[in-house]
Amino acid sequence: MASKIRIDLDALAQTSTDLARIANEFDDTDTMVDMVTSAIGNKNETHELRQAVEHFAGTWRIRREKVRENVRYLAQTSASVAENLAAADNDLATSLTEAATSTTPSMSPNLGRGMV
């Protein structure tokens, strides 16, 4: 019984694109925090909320950088895996095609006339 590996190269490439997009979203976080704190305003009633948001954003910034780096690495790795697997698949297909054409016996002009 032959074992088979089935990999959806399009899905793997899409995963790379999606991971890169996620990593890019981390770049916009400071802008989003600024928008949220602006929406909260500077009123006394919202002072604690604004302070909590700013504190969270500050402590999350360090971890966010590490997560972004890791997600970018995964995006690059999945793209590389997809490219290398596609190249290997093409190389194997070419090898099999060449092997099939080189081992196919050529038709002898005498074949079929009772001569072996």
PDB file of N, CA and C in Angstrom:
ATOM      1  N   MET A   1       0.846  -1.173   0.000  1.00  0.00           N
ATOM      2  CA  MET A   1       0.000   0.000   0.000  1.00  0.00           C
ATOM      3  C   MET A   1       0.896   1.243   0.000  1.00  0.00           C
ATOM      4  N   ALA A   2       0.708   2.099  -0.965  1.00  0.00           N
ATOM      5  CA  ALA A   2       1.531   3.296  -1.097  1.00  0.00           C
ATOM      6  C   ALA A   2       1.008   4.410  -0.198  1.00  0.00           C
ATOM      7  N   SER A   3       1.932   5.113   0.389  1.00  0.00           N
ATOM      8  CA  SER A   3       1.559   6.270   1.201  1.00  0.00           C
ATOM      9  C   SER A   3       1.597   7.509   0.326  1.00  0.00           C
ATOM     10  N   LYS A   4       0.714   8.416   0.600  1.00  0.00           N
ATOM     11  CA  LYS A   4       0.642   9.640  -0.187  1.00  0.00           C
ATOM     12  C   LYS A   4       0.651  10.836   0.757  1.00  0.00           C
ATOM     13  N   ILE A   5       1.285  11.872   0.299  1.00  0.00           N
ATOM     14  CA  ILE A   5       1.231  13.148   1.002  1.00  0.00           C
ATOM     15  C   ILE A   5       0.431  14.085   0.114  1.00  0.00           C
ATOM     16  N   ARG A   6      -0.603  14.643   0.654  1.00  0.00           N
ATOM     17  CA  ARG A   6      -1.411  15.601  -0.096  1.00  0.00           C
ATOM     18  C   ARG A   6      -1.334  16.944   0.606  1.00  0.00           C
ATOM     19  N   ILE A   7      -0.817  17.920  -0.093  1.00  0.00           N
ATOM     20  CA  ILE A   7      -0.668  19.257   0.455  1.00  0.00           C
ATOM     21  C   ILE A   7      -1.310  20.238  -0.513  1.00  0.00           C
ATOM     22  N   ASP A   8      -2.192  21.043   0.004  1.00  0.00           N
ATOM     23  CA  ASP A   8      -2.837  22.070  -0.809  1.00  0.00           C
ATOM     24  C   ASP A   8      -1.904  23.276  -0.837  1.00  0.00           C
ATOM     25  N   LEU A   9      -1.127  23.388  -1.912  1.00  0.00           N
ATOM     26  CA  LEU A   9      -0.134  24.457  -2.013  1.00  0.00           C
ATOM     27  C   LEU A   9      -0.788  25.835  -2.073  1.00  0.00           C
ATOM     28  N   ASP A  10      -1.960  25.919  -2.673  1.00  0.00           N
ATOM     29  CA  ASP A  10      -2.670  27.201  -2.711  1.00  0.00           C
ATOM     30  C   ASP A  10      -3.085  27.623  -1.302  1.00  0.00           C
ATOM     31  N   ALA A  11      -3.563  26.674  -0.518  1.00  0.00           N
ATOM     32  CA  ALA A  11      -3.951  26.990   0.863  1.00  0.00           C
ATOM     33  C   ALA A  11      -2.745  27.377   1.691  1.00  0.00           C
ATOM     34  N   LEU A  12      -1.617  26.717   1.460  1.00  0.00           N
ATOM     35  CA  LEU A  12      -0.395  27.052   2.190  1.00  0.00           C
ATOM     36  C   LEU A  12       0.088  28.453   1.824  1.00  0.00           C
ATOM     37  N   ALA A  13       0.022  28.788   0.550  1.00  0.00           N
ATOM     38  CA  ALA A  13       0.399  30.138   0.113  1.00  0.00           C
ATOM     39  C   ALA A  13      -0.566  31.179   0.692  1.00  0.00           C
ATOM     40  N   GLN A  14      -1.854  30.847   0.730  1.00  0.00           N
ATOM     41  CA  GLN A  14      -2.842  31.761   1.310  1.00  0.00           C
ATOM     42  C   GLN A  14      -2.584  31.955   2.801  1.00  0.00           C
ATOM     43  N   THR A  15      -2.166  30.893   3.474  1.00  0.00           N
ATOM     44  CA  THR A  15      -1.828  30.996   4.893  1.00  0.00           C
ATOM     45  C   THR A  15      -0.694  31.986   5.095  1.00  0.00           C
ATOM     46  N   SER A  16       0.291  31.932   4.230  1.00  0.00           N
ATOM     47  CA  SER A  16       1.402  32.877   4.301  1.00  0.00           C
ATOM     48  C   SER A  16       0.905  34.317   4.142  1.00  0.00           C
ATOM     49  N   THR A  17       0.039  34.530   3.174  1.00  0.00           N
ATOM     50  CA  THR A  17      -0.527  35.867   2.948  1.00  0.00           C
ATOM     51  C   THR A  17      -1.325  36.334   4.155  1.00  0.00           C
ATOM     52  N   ASP A  18      -2.137  35.443   4.716  1.00  0.00           N
ATOM     53  CA  ASP A  18      -2.955  35.793   5.876  1.00  0.00           C
ATOM     54  C   ASP A  18      -2.089  36.116   7.089  1.00  0.00           C
ATOM     55  N   LEU A  19      -1.031  35.340   7.299  1.00  0.00           N
ATOM     56  CA  LEU A  19      -0.135  35.605   8.428  1.00  0.00           C
ATOM     57  C   LEU A  19       0.580  36.947   8.261  1.00  0.00           C
ATOM     58  N   ALA A  20       0.981  37.263   7.052  1.00  0.00           N
ATOM     59  CA  ALA A  20       1.623  38.556   6.803  1.00  0.00           C
ATOM     60  C   ALA A  20       0.654  39.704   7.089  1.00  0.00           C
ATOM     61  N   ARG A  21      -0.601  39.515   6.710  1.00  0.00           N
ATOM     62  CA  ARG A  21      -1.622  40.531   6.975  1.00  0.00           C
ATOM     63  C   ARG A  21      -1.825  40.716   8.484  1.00  0.00           C
ATOM     64  N   ILE A  22      -1.839  39.613   9.208  1.00  0.00           N
ATOM     65  CA  ILE A  22      -1.983  39.685  10.673  1.00  0.00           C
ATOM     66  C   ILE A  22      -0.806  40.445  11.272  1.00  0.00           C
ATOM     67  N   ALA A  23       0.397  40.131  10.820  1.00  0.00           N
ATOM     68  CA  ALA A  23       1.586  40.824  11.329  1.00  0.00           C
ATOM     69  C   ALA A  23       1.487  42.320  11.059  1.00  0.00           C
ATOM     70  N   ASN A  24       0.992  42.687   9.888  1.00  0.00           N
ATOM     71  CA  ASN A  24       0.846  44.103   9.554  1.00  0.00           C
ATOM     72  C   ASN A  24      -0.181  44.800  10.443  1.00  0.00           C
ATOM     73  N   GLU A  25      -1.195  44.056  10.872  1.00  0.00           N
ATOM     74  CA  GLU A  25      -2.205  44.646  11.761  1.00  0.00           C
ATOM     75  C   GLU A  25      -1.581  45.097  13.079  1.00  0.00           C
ATOM     76  N   PHE A  26      -0.552  44.391  13.514  1.00  0.00           N
ATOM     77  CA  PHE A  26       0.125  44.785  14.742  1.00  0.00           C
ATOM     78  C   PHE A  26       0.795  46.156  14.595  1.00  0.00           C
ATOM     79  N   ASP A  27       1.177  46.520  13.371  1.00  0.00           N
ATOM     80  CA  ASP A  27       1.798  47.817  13.136  1.00  0.00           C
ATOM     81  C   ASP A  27       0.834  48.965  13.409  1.00  0.00           C
ATOM     82  N   ASP A  28      -0.454  48.717  13.219  1.00  0.00           N
ATOM     83  CA  ASP A  28      -1.455  49.771  13.351  1.00  0.00           C
ATOM     84  C   ASP A  28      -2.009  49.897  14.770  1.00  0.00           C
ATOM     85  N   THR A  29      -1.494  49.108  15.692  1.00  0.00           N
ATOM     86  CA  THR A  29      -2.058  49.090  17.041  1.00  0.00           C
ATOM     87  C   THR A  29      -1.929  50.430  17.740  1.00  0.00           C
ATOM     88  N   ASP A  30      -0.780  51.092  17.614  1.00  0.00           N
ATOM     89  CA  ASP A  30      -0.611  52.396  18.274  1.00  0.00           C
ATOM     90  C   ASP A  30      -1.626  53.410  17.761  1.00  0.00           C
ATOM     91  N   THR A  31      -1.889  53.364  16.463  1.00  0.00           N
ATOM     92  CA  THR A  31      -2.895  54.259  15.881  1.00  0.00           C
ATOM     93  C   THR A  31      -4.273  53.958  16.462  1.00  0.00           C
ATOM     94  N   MET A  32      -4.573  52.666  16.598  1.00  0.00           N
ATOM     95  CA  MET A  32      -5.869  52.269  17.159  1.00  0.00           C
ATOM     96  C   MET A  32      -5.994  52.714  18.619  1.00  0.00           C
ATOM     97  N   VAL A  33      -4.929  52.586  19.381  1.00  0.00           N
ATOM     98  CA  VAL A  33      -4.953  53.019  20.786  1.00  0.00           C
ATOM     99  C   VAL A  33      -5.186  54.521  20.850  1.00  0.00           C
ATOM    100  N   ASP A  34      -4.528  55.267  19.981  1.00  0.00           N
ATOM    101  CA  ASP A  34      -4.734  56.725  19.942  1.00  0.00           C
ATOM    102  C   ASP A  34      -6.183  57.070  19.619  1.00  0.00           C
ATOM    103  N   MET A  35      -6.780  56.308  18.705  1.00  0.00           N
ATOM    104  CA  MET A  35      -8.177  56.556  18.352  1.00  0.00           C
ATOM    105  C   MET A  35      -9.098  56.265  19.540  1.00  0.00           C
ATOM    106  N   VAL A  36      -8.804  55.168  20.252  1.00  0.00           N
ATOM    107  CA  VAL A  36      -9.638  54.801  21.403  1.00  0.00           C
ATOM    108  C   VAL A  36      -9.505  55.842  22.510  1.00  0.00           C
ATOM    109  N   THR A  37      -8.285  56.237  22.821  1.00  0.00           N
ATOM    110  CA  THR A  37      -8.105  57.220  23.899  1.00  0.00           C
ATOM    111  C   THR A  37      -8.689  58.573  23.518  1.00  0.00           C
ATOM    112  N   SER A  38      -8.648  58.911  22.235  1.00  0.00           N
ATOM    113  CA  SER A  38      -9.284  60.162  21.800  1.00  0.00           C
ATOM    114  C   SER A  38     -10.793  60.082  21.964  1.00  0.00           C
ATOM    115  N   ALA A  39     -11.343  58.914  21.659  1.00  0.00           N
ATOM    116  CA  ALA A  39     -12.787  58.728  21.798  1.00  0.00           C
ATOM    117  C   ALA A  39     -13.204  58.777  23.268  1.00  0.00           C
ATOM    118  N   ILE A  40     -12.324  58.295  24.144  1.00  0.00           N
ATOM    119  CA  ILE A  40     -12.632  58.330  25.585  1.00  0.00           C
ATOM    120  C   ILE A  40     -12.667  59.767  26.076  1.00  0.00           C
ATOM    121  N   GLY A  41     -11.743  60.565  25.578  1.00  0.00           N
ATOM    122  CA  GLY A  41     -11.714  61.974  25.966  1.00  0.00           C
ATOM    123  C   GLY A  41     -10.935  62.203  27.247  1.00  0.00           C
ATOM    124  N   ASN A  42     -10.977  63.463  27.703  1.00  0.00           N
ATOM    125  CA  ASN A  42     -10.214  63.868  28.882  1.00  0.00           C
ATOM    126  C   ASN A  42     -11.087  64.249  30.072  1.00  0.00           C
ATOM    127  N   LYS A  43     -12.327  63.875  30.053  1.00  0.00           N
ATOM    128  CA  LYS A  43     -13.212  64.249  31.151  1.00  0.00           C
ATOM    129  C   LYS A  43     -12.840  63.483  32.411  1.00  0.00           C
ATOM    130  N   ASN A  44     -13.164  64.054  33.543  1.00  0.00           N
ATOM    131  CA  ASN A  44     -12.863  63.406  34.823  1.00  0.00           C
ATOM    132  C   ASN A  44     -13.523  62.038  34.937  1.00  0.00           C
ATOM    133  N   GLU A  45     -14.726  61.886  34.378  1.00  0.00           N
ATOM    134  CA  GLU A  45     -15.449  60.622  34.488  1.00  0.00           C
ATOM    135  C   GLU A  45     -14.738  59.500  33.717  1.00  0.00           C
ATOM    136  N   THR A  46     -13.969  59.857  32.709  1.00  0.00           N
ATOM    137  CA  THR A  46     -13.329  58.839  31.876  1.00  0.00           C
ATOM    138  C   THR A  46     -11.829  58.714  32.138  1.00  0.00           C
ATOM    139  N   HIS A  47     -11.338  59.447  33.116  1.00  0.00           N
ATOM    140  CA  HIS A  47      -9.901  59.460  33.409  1.00  0.00           C
ATOM    141  C   HIS A  47      -9.362  58.058  33.707  1.00  0.00           C
ATOM    142  N   GLU A  48     -10.067  57.297  34.530  1.00  0.00           N
ATOM    143  CA  GLU A  48      -9.595  55.957  34.900  1.00  0.00           C
ATOM    144  C   GLU A  48      -9.609  55.011  33.701  1.00  0.00           C
ATOM    145  N   LEU A  49     -10.638  55.113  32.873  1.00  0.00           N
ATOM    146  CA  LEU A  49     -10.708  54.262  31.683  1.00  0.00           C
ATOM    147  C   LEU A  49      -9.554  54.585  30.740  1.00  0.00           C
ATOM    148  N   ARG A  50      -9.344  55.853  30.494  1.00  0.00           N
ATOM    149  CA  ARG A  50      -8.241  56.275  29.610  1.00  0.00           C
ATOM    150  C   ARG A  50      -6.904  55.789  30.157  1.00  0.00           C
ATOM    151  N   GLN A  51      -6.710  55.935  31.443  1.00  0.00           N
ATOM    152  CA  GLN A  51      -5.459  55.515  32.074  1.00  0.00           C
ATOM    153  C   GLN A  51      -5.273  53.993  31.939  1.00  0.00           C
ATOM    154  N   ALA A  52      -6.340  53.245  32.107  1.00  0.00           N
ATOM    155  CA  ALA A  52      -6.275  51.777  31.988  1.00  0.00           C
ATOM    156  C   ALA A  52      -5.933  51.368  30.557  1.00  0.00           C
ATOM    157  N   VAL A  53      -6.545  52.023  29.578  1.00  0.00           N
ATOM    158  CA  VAL A  53      -6.263  51.713  28.173  1.00  0.00           C
ATOM    159  C   VAL A  53      -4.804  52.023  27.850  1.00  0.00           C
ATOM    160  N   GLU A  54      -4.336  53.162  28.278  1.00  0.00           N
ATOM    161  CA  GLU A  54      -2.949  53.547  28.014  1.00  0.00           C
ATOM    162  C   GLU A  54      -1.967  52.604  28.708  1.00  0.00           C
ATOM    163  N   HIS A  55      -2.304  52.184  29.942  1.00  0.00           N
ATOM    164  CA  HIS A  55      -1.440  51.253  30.672  1.00  0.00           C
ATOM    165  C   HIS A  55      -1.382  49.908  29.949  1.00  0.00           C
ATOM    166  N   PHE A  56      -2.541  49.406  29.558  1.00  0.00           N
ATOM    167  CA  PHE A  56      -2.592  48.126  28.840  1.00  0.00           C
ATOM    168  C   PHE A  56      -1.793  48.212  27.540  1.00  0.00           C
ATOM    169  N   ALA A  57      -1.982  49.288  26.797  1.00  0.00           N
ATOM    170  CA  ALA A  57      -1.282  49.444  25.516  1.00  0.00           C
ATOM    171  C   ALA A  57       0.227  49.490  25.729  1.00  0.00           C
ATOM    172  N   GLY A  58       0.667  50.130  26.782  1.00  0.00           N
ATOM    173  CA  GLY A  58       2.098  50.221  27.063  1.00  0.00           C
ATOM    174  C   GLY A  58       2.703  48.883  27.438  1.00  0.00           C
ATOM    175  N   THR A  59       2.023  48.120  28.276  1.00  0.00           N
ATOM    176  CA  THR A  59       2.565  46.821  28.687  1.00  0.00           C
ATOM    177  C   THR A  59       2.445  45.785  27.573  1.00  0.00           C
ATOM    178  N   TRP A  60       1.459  45.913  26.747  1.00  0.00           N
ATOM    179  CA  TRP A  60       1.244  44.985  25.642  1.00  0.00           C
ATOM    180  C   TRP A  60       2.232  45.247  24.500  1.00  0.00           C
ATOM    181  N   ARG A  61       2.752  46.455  24.415  1.00  0.00           N
ATOM    182  CA  ARG A  61       3.635  46.847  23.305  1.00  0.00           C
ATOM    183  C   ARG A  61       4.841  45.908  23.184  1.00  0.00           C
ATOM    184  N   ILE A  62       5.471  45.574  24.311  1.00  0.00           N
ATOM    185  CA  ILE A  62       6.657  44.716  24.283  1.00  0.00           C
ATOM    186  C   ILE A  62       6.300  43.324  23.782  1.00  0.00           C
ATOM    187  N   ARG A  63       5.247  42.752  24.320  1.00  0.00           N
ATOM    188  CA  ARG A  63       4.830  41.408  23.885  1.00  0.00           C
ATOM    189  C   ARG A  63       4.339  41.425  22.437  1.00  0.00           C
ATOM    190  N   ARG A  64       3.689  42.499  22.074  1.00  0.00           N
ATOM    191  CA  ARG A  64       3.172  42.623  20.715  1.00  0.00           C
ATOM    192  C   ARG A  64       4.304  42.560  19.695  1.00  0.00           C
ATOM    193  N   GLU A  65       5.433  43.185  19.999  1.00  0.00           N
ATOM    194  CA  GLU A  65       6.579  43.152  19.096  1.00  0.00           C
ATOM    195  C   GLU A  65       7.073  41.726  18.892  1.00  0.00           C
ATOM    196  N   LYS A  66       7.133  40.958  19.970  1.00  0.00           N
ATOM    197  CA  LYS A  66       7.583  39.568  19.860  1.00  0.00           C
ATOM    198  C   LYS A  66       6.589  38.736  19.073  1.00  0.00           C
ATOM    199  N   VAL A  67       5.318  38.932  19.329  1.00  0.00           N
ATOM    200  CA  VAL A  67       4.282  38.184  18.592  1.00  0.00           C
ATOM    201  C   VAL A  67       4.356  38.542  17.115  1.00  0.00           C
ATOM    202  N   ARG A  68       4.498  39.822  16.808  1.00  0.00           N
ATOM    203  CA  ARG A  68       4.575  40.259  15.408  1.00  0.00           C
ATOM    204  C   ARG A  68       5.772  39.621  14.709  1.00  0.00           C
ATOM    205  N   GLU A  69       6.929  39.612  15.383  1.00  0.00           N
ATOM    206  CA  GLU A  69       8.122  38.983  14.797  1.00  0.00           C
ATOM    207  C   GLU A  69       7.879  37.506  14.521  1.00  0.00           C
ATOM    208  N   ASN A  70       7.257  36.812  15.464  1.00  0.00           N
ATOM    209  CA  ASN A  70       6.983  35.386  15.290  1.00  0.00           C
ATOM    210  C   ASN A  70       5.991  35.130  14.162  1.00  0.00           C
ATOM    211  N   VAL A  71       4.959  35.964  14.059  1.00  0.00           N
ATOM    212  CA  VAL A  71       3.967  35.795  12.996  1.00  0.00           C
ATOM    213  C   VAL A  71       4.613  36.077  11.637  1.00  0.00           C
ATOM    214  N   ARG A  72       5.464  37.083  11.567  1.00  0.00           N
ATOM    215  CA  ARG A  72       6.170  37.357  10.303  1.00  0.00           C
ATOM    216  C   ARG A  72       7.073  36.190   9.915  1.00  0.00           C
ATOM    217  N   TYR A  73       7.740  35.619  10.900  1.00  0.00           N
ATOM    218  CA  TYR A  73       8.592  34.453  10.640  1.00  0.00           C
ATOM    219  C   TYR A  73       7.754  33.288  10.094  1.00  0.00           C
ATOM    220  N   LEU A  74       6.601  33.055  10.701  1.00  0.00           N
ATOM    221  CA  LEU A  74       5.719  31.988  10.225  1.00  0.00           C
ATOM    222  C   LEU A  74       5.231  32.267   8.801  1.00  0.00           C
ATOM    223  N   ALA A  75       4.938  33.519   8.503  1.00  0.00           N
ATOM    224  CA  ALA A  75       4.495  33.893   7.155  1.00  0.00           C
ATOM    225  C   ALA A  75       5.594  33.596   6.142  1.00  0.00           C
ATOM    226  N   GLN A  76       6.821  33.992   6.466  1.00  0.00           N
ATOM    227  CA  GLN A  76       7.941  33.749   5.555  1.00  0.00           C
ATOM    228  C   GLN A  76       8.223  32.258   5.403  1.00  0.00           C
ATOM    229  N   THR A  77       8.145  31.539   6.514  1.00  0.00           N
ATOM    230  CA  THR A  77       8.408  30.100   6.476  1.00  0.00           C
ATOM    231  C   THR A  77       7.360  29.371   5.651  1.00  0.00           C
ATOM    232  N   SER A  78       6.091  29.692   5.842  1.00  0.00           N
ATOM    233  CA  SER A  78       5.043  29.013   5.076  1.00  0.00           C
ATOM    234  C   SER A  78       5.148  29.346   3.589  1.00  0.00           C
ATOM    235  N   ALA A  79       5.540  30.563   3.255  1.00  0.00           N
ATOM    236  CA  ALA A  79       5.740  30.925   1.847  1.00  0.00           C
ATOM    237  C   ALA A  79       6.890  30.121   1.256  1.00  0.00           C
ATOM    238  N   SER A  80       7.967  30.005   2.009  1.00  0.00           N
ATOM    239  CA  SER A  80       9.127  29.246   1.549  1.00  0.00           C
ATOM    240  C   SER A  80       8.794  27.767   1.375  1.00  0.00           C
ATOM    241  N   VAL A  81       8.052  27.210   2.319  1.00  0.00           N
ATOM    242  CA  VAL A  81       7.649  25.800   2.220  1.00  0.00           C
ATOM    243  C   VAL A  81       6.779  25.594   0.981  1.00  0.00           C
ATOM    244  N   ALA A  82       5.836  26.481   0.749  1.00  0.00           N
ATOM    245  CA  ALA A  82       4.962  26.362  -0.428  1.00  0.00           C
ATOM    246  C   ALA A  82       5.781  26.425  -1.717  1.00  0.00           C
ATOM    247  N   GLU A  83       6.713  27.364  -1.794  1.00  0.00           N
ATOM    248  CA  GLU A  83       7.547  27.499  -2.996  1.00  0.00           C
ATOM    249  C   GLU A  83       8.416  26.264  -3.211  1.00  0.00           C
ATOM    250  N   ASN A  84       9.043  25.778  -2.140  1.00  0.00           N
ATOM    251  CA  ASN A  84       9.926  24.622  -2.262  1.00  0.00           C
ATOM    252  C   ASN A  84       9.160  23.349  -2.606  1.00  0.00           C
ATOM    253  N   LEU A  85       7.984  23.183  -2.015  1.00  0.00           N
ATOM    254  CA  LEU A  85       7.177  22.003  -2.344  1.00  0.00           C
ATOM    255  C   LEU A  85       6.685  22.058  -3.787  1.00  0.00           C
ATOM    256  N   ALA A  86       6.306  23.241  -4.256  1.00  0.00           N
ATOM    257  CA  ALA A  86       5.867  23.381  -5.647  1.00  0.00           C
ATOM    258  C   ALA A  86       7.020  23.066  -6.598  1.00  0.00           C
ATOM    259  N   ALA A  87       8.215  23.541  -6.273  1.00  0.00           N
ATOM    260  CA  ALA A  87       9.380  23.259  -7.113  1.00  0.00           C
ATOM    261  C   ALA A  87       9.704  21.763  -7.104  1.00  0.00           C
ATOM    262  N   ALA A  88       9.642  21.145  -5.929  1.00  0.00           N
ATOM    263  CA  ALA A  88       9.905  19.706  -5.830  1.00  0.00           C
ATOM    264  C   ALA A  88       8.862  18.915  -6.616  1.00  0.00           C
ATOM    265  N   ASP A  89       7.615  19.324  -6.532  1.00  0.00           N
ATOM    266  CA  ASP A  89       6.547  18.654  -7.271  1.00  0.00           C
ATOM    267  C   ASP A  89       6.792  18.761  -8.773  1.00  0.00           C
ATOM    268  N   ASN A  90       7.164  19.951  -9.225  1.00  0.00           N
ATOM    269  CA  ASN A  90       7.455  20.133 -10.656  1.00  0.00           C
ATOM    270  C   ASN A  90       8.658  19.303 -11.086  1.00  0.00           C
ATOM    271  N   ASP A  91       9.700  19.275 -10.262  1.00  0.00           N
ATOM    272  CA  ASP A  91      10.888  18.485 -10.584  1.00  0.00           C
ATOM    273  C   ASP A  91      10.559  16.996 -10.666  1.00  0.00           C
ATOM    274  N   LEU A  92       9.772  16.520  -9.715  1.00  0.00           N
ATOM    275  CA  LEU A  92       9.377  15.104  -9.735  1.00  0.00           C
ATOM    276  C   LEU A  92       8.541  14.782 -10.967  1.00  0.00           C
ATOM    277  N   ALA A  93       7.615  15.674 -11.286  1.00  0.00           N
ATOM    278  CA  ALA A  93       6.768  15.450 -12.464  1.00  0.00           C
ATOM    279  C   ALA A  93       7.620  15.419 -13.731  1.00  0.00           C
ATOM    280  N   THR A  94       8.580  16.318 -13.828  1.00  0.00           N
ATOM    281  CA  THR A  94       9.467  16.350 -14.985  1.00  0.00           C
ATOM    282  C   THR A  94      10.296  15.074 -15.063  1.00  0.00           C
ATOM    283  N   SER A  95      10.833  14.648 -13.929  1.00  0.00           N
ATOM    284  CA  SER A  95      11.633  13.422 -13.884  1.00  0.00           C
ATOM    285  C   SER A  95      10.811  12.210 -14.307  1.00  0.00           C
ATOM    286  N   LEU A  96       9.596  12.127 -13.799  1.00  0.00           N
ATOM    287  CA  LEU A  96       8.739  11.000 -14.158  1.00  0.00           C
ATOM    288  C   LEU A  96       8.387  11.015 -15.642  1.00  0.00           C
ATOM    289  N   THR A  97       8.118  12.183 -16.167  1.00  0.00           N
ATOM    290  CA  THR A  97       7.785  12.312 -17.588  1.00  0.00           C
ATOM    291  C   THR A  97       8.980  11.920 -18.450  1.00  0.00           C
ATOM    292  N   GLU A  98      10.161  12.408 -18.089  1.00  0.00           N
ATOM    293  CA  GLU A  98      11.368  12.083 -18.845  1.00  0.00           C
ATOM    294  C   GLU A  98      11.681  10.593 -18.748  1.00  0.00           C
ATOM    295  N   ALA A  99      11.508  10.034 -17.545  1.00  0.00           N
ATOM    296  CA  ALA A  99      11.771   8.603 -17.366  1.00  0.00           C
ATOM    297  C   ALA A  99      10.791   7.769 -18.187  1.00  0.00           C
ATOM    298  N   ALA A 100       9.549   8.185 -18.236  1.00  0.00           N
ATOM    299  CA  ALA A 100       8.538   7.446 -18.993  1.00  0.00           C
ATOM    300  C   ALA A 100       8.835   7.487 -20.489  1.00  0.00           C
ATOM    301  N   THR A 101       9.270   8.616 -20.993  1.00  0.00           N
ATOM    302  CA  THR A 101       9.547   8.723 -22.430  1.00  0.00           C
ATOM    303  C   THR A 101      10.850   8.032 -22.804  1.00  0.00           C
ATOM    304  N   SER A 102      11.810   7.953 -21.899  1.00  0.00           N
ATOM    305  CA  SER A 102      13.082   7.315 -22.235  1.00  0.00           C
ATOM    306  C   SER A 102      13.010   5.796 -22.130  1.00  0.00           C
ATOM    307  N   THR A 103      12.062   5.255 -21.377  1.00  0.00           N
ATOM    308  CA  THR A 103      11.957   3.805 -21.239  1.00  0.00           C
ATOM    309  C   THR A 103      10.877   3.203 -22.133  1.00  0.00           C
ATOM    310  N   THR A 104      10.133   4.024 -22.840  1.00  0.00           N
ATOM    311  CA  THR A 104       9.107   3.506 -23.744  1.00  0.00           C
ATOM    312  C   THR A 104       9.813   2.916 -24.957  1.00  0.00           C
ATOM    313  N   PRO A 105       9.573   1.645 -25.228  1.00  0.00           N
ATOM    314  CA  PRO A 105      10.261   1.030 -26.380  1.00  0.00           C
ATOM    315  C   PRO A 105       9.798   1.681 -27.676  1.00  0.00           C
ATOM    316  N   SER A 106      10.776   1.921 -28.521  1.00  0.00           N
ATOM    317  CA  SER A 106      10.396   2.497 -29.817  1.00  0.00           C
ATOM    318  C   SER A 106       9.843   1.383 -30.696  1.00  0.00           C
ATOM    319  N   MET A 107       8.968   1.752 -31.560  1.00  0.00           N
ATOM    320  CA  MET A 107       8.327   0.771 -32.439  1.00  0.00           C
ATOM    321  C   MET A 107       9.324   0.348 -33.513  1.00  0.00           C
ATOM    322  N   SER A 108       9.570  -0.895 -33.587  1.00  0.00           N
ATOM    323  CA  SER A 108      10.456  -1.429 -34.623  1.00  0.00           C
ATOM    324  C   SER A 108       9.659  -1.565 -35.909  1.00  0.00           C
ATOM    325  N   PRO A 109      10.265  -1.244 -37.031  1.00  0.00           N
ATOM    326  CA  PRO A 109       9.523  -1.377 -38.288  1.00  0.00           C
ATOM    327  C   PRO A 109       9.146  -2.820 -38.600  1.00  0.00           C
ATOM    328  N   ASN A 110       9.878  -3.768 -38.017  1.00  0.00           N
ATOM    329  CA  ASN A 110       9.588  -5.164 -38.280  1.00  0.00           C
ATOM    330  C   ASN A 110       8.572  -5.747 -37.322  1.00  0.00           C
ATOM    331  N   LEU A 111       8.269  -5.022 -36.271  1.00  0.00           N
ATOM    332  CA  LEU A 111       7.330  -5.512 -35.276  1.00  0.00           C
ATOM    333  C   LEU A 111       5.944  -5.577 -35.917  1.00  0.00           C
ATOM    334  N   GLY A 112       5.262  -6.624 -35.694  1.00  0.00           N
ATOM    335  CA  GLY A 112       3.943  -6.778 -36.270  1.00  0.00           C
ATOM    336  C   GLY A 112       3.973  -7.543 -37.586  1.00  0.00           C
ATOM    337  N   ARG A 113       5.141  -7.884 -38.074  1.00  0.00           N
ATOM    338  CA  ARG A 113       5.247  -8.639 -39.312  1.00  0.00           C
ATOM    339  C   ARG A 113       5.661 -10.081 -39.019  1.00  0.00           C
ATOM    340  N   GLY A 114       5.446 -10.471 -37.816  1.00  0.00           N
ATOM    341  CA  GLY A 114       5.760 -11.835 -37.461  1.00  0.00           C
ATOM    342  C   GLY A 114       7.183 -12.016 -36.999  1.00  0.00           C
ATOM    343  N   MET A 115       7.922 -10.968 -36.889  1.00  0.00           N
ATOM    344  CA  MET A 115       9.305 -11.064 -36.443  1.00  0.00           C
ATOM    345  C   MET A 115       9.412 -10.528 -35.028  1.00  0.00           C
ATOM    346  N   VAL A 116      10.112 -11.254 -34.214  1.00  0.00           N
ATOM    347  CA  VAL A 116      10.288 -10.825 -32.836  1.00  0.00           C
ATOM    348  C   VAL A 116      11.744 -10.604 -32.580  1.00  0.00           C
TER     349      VAL A 116
END
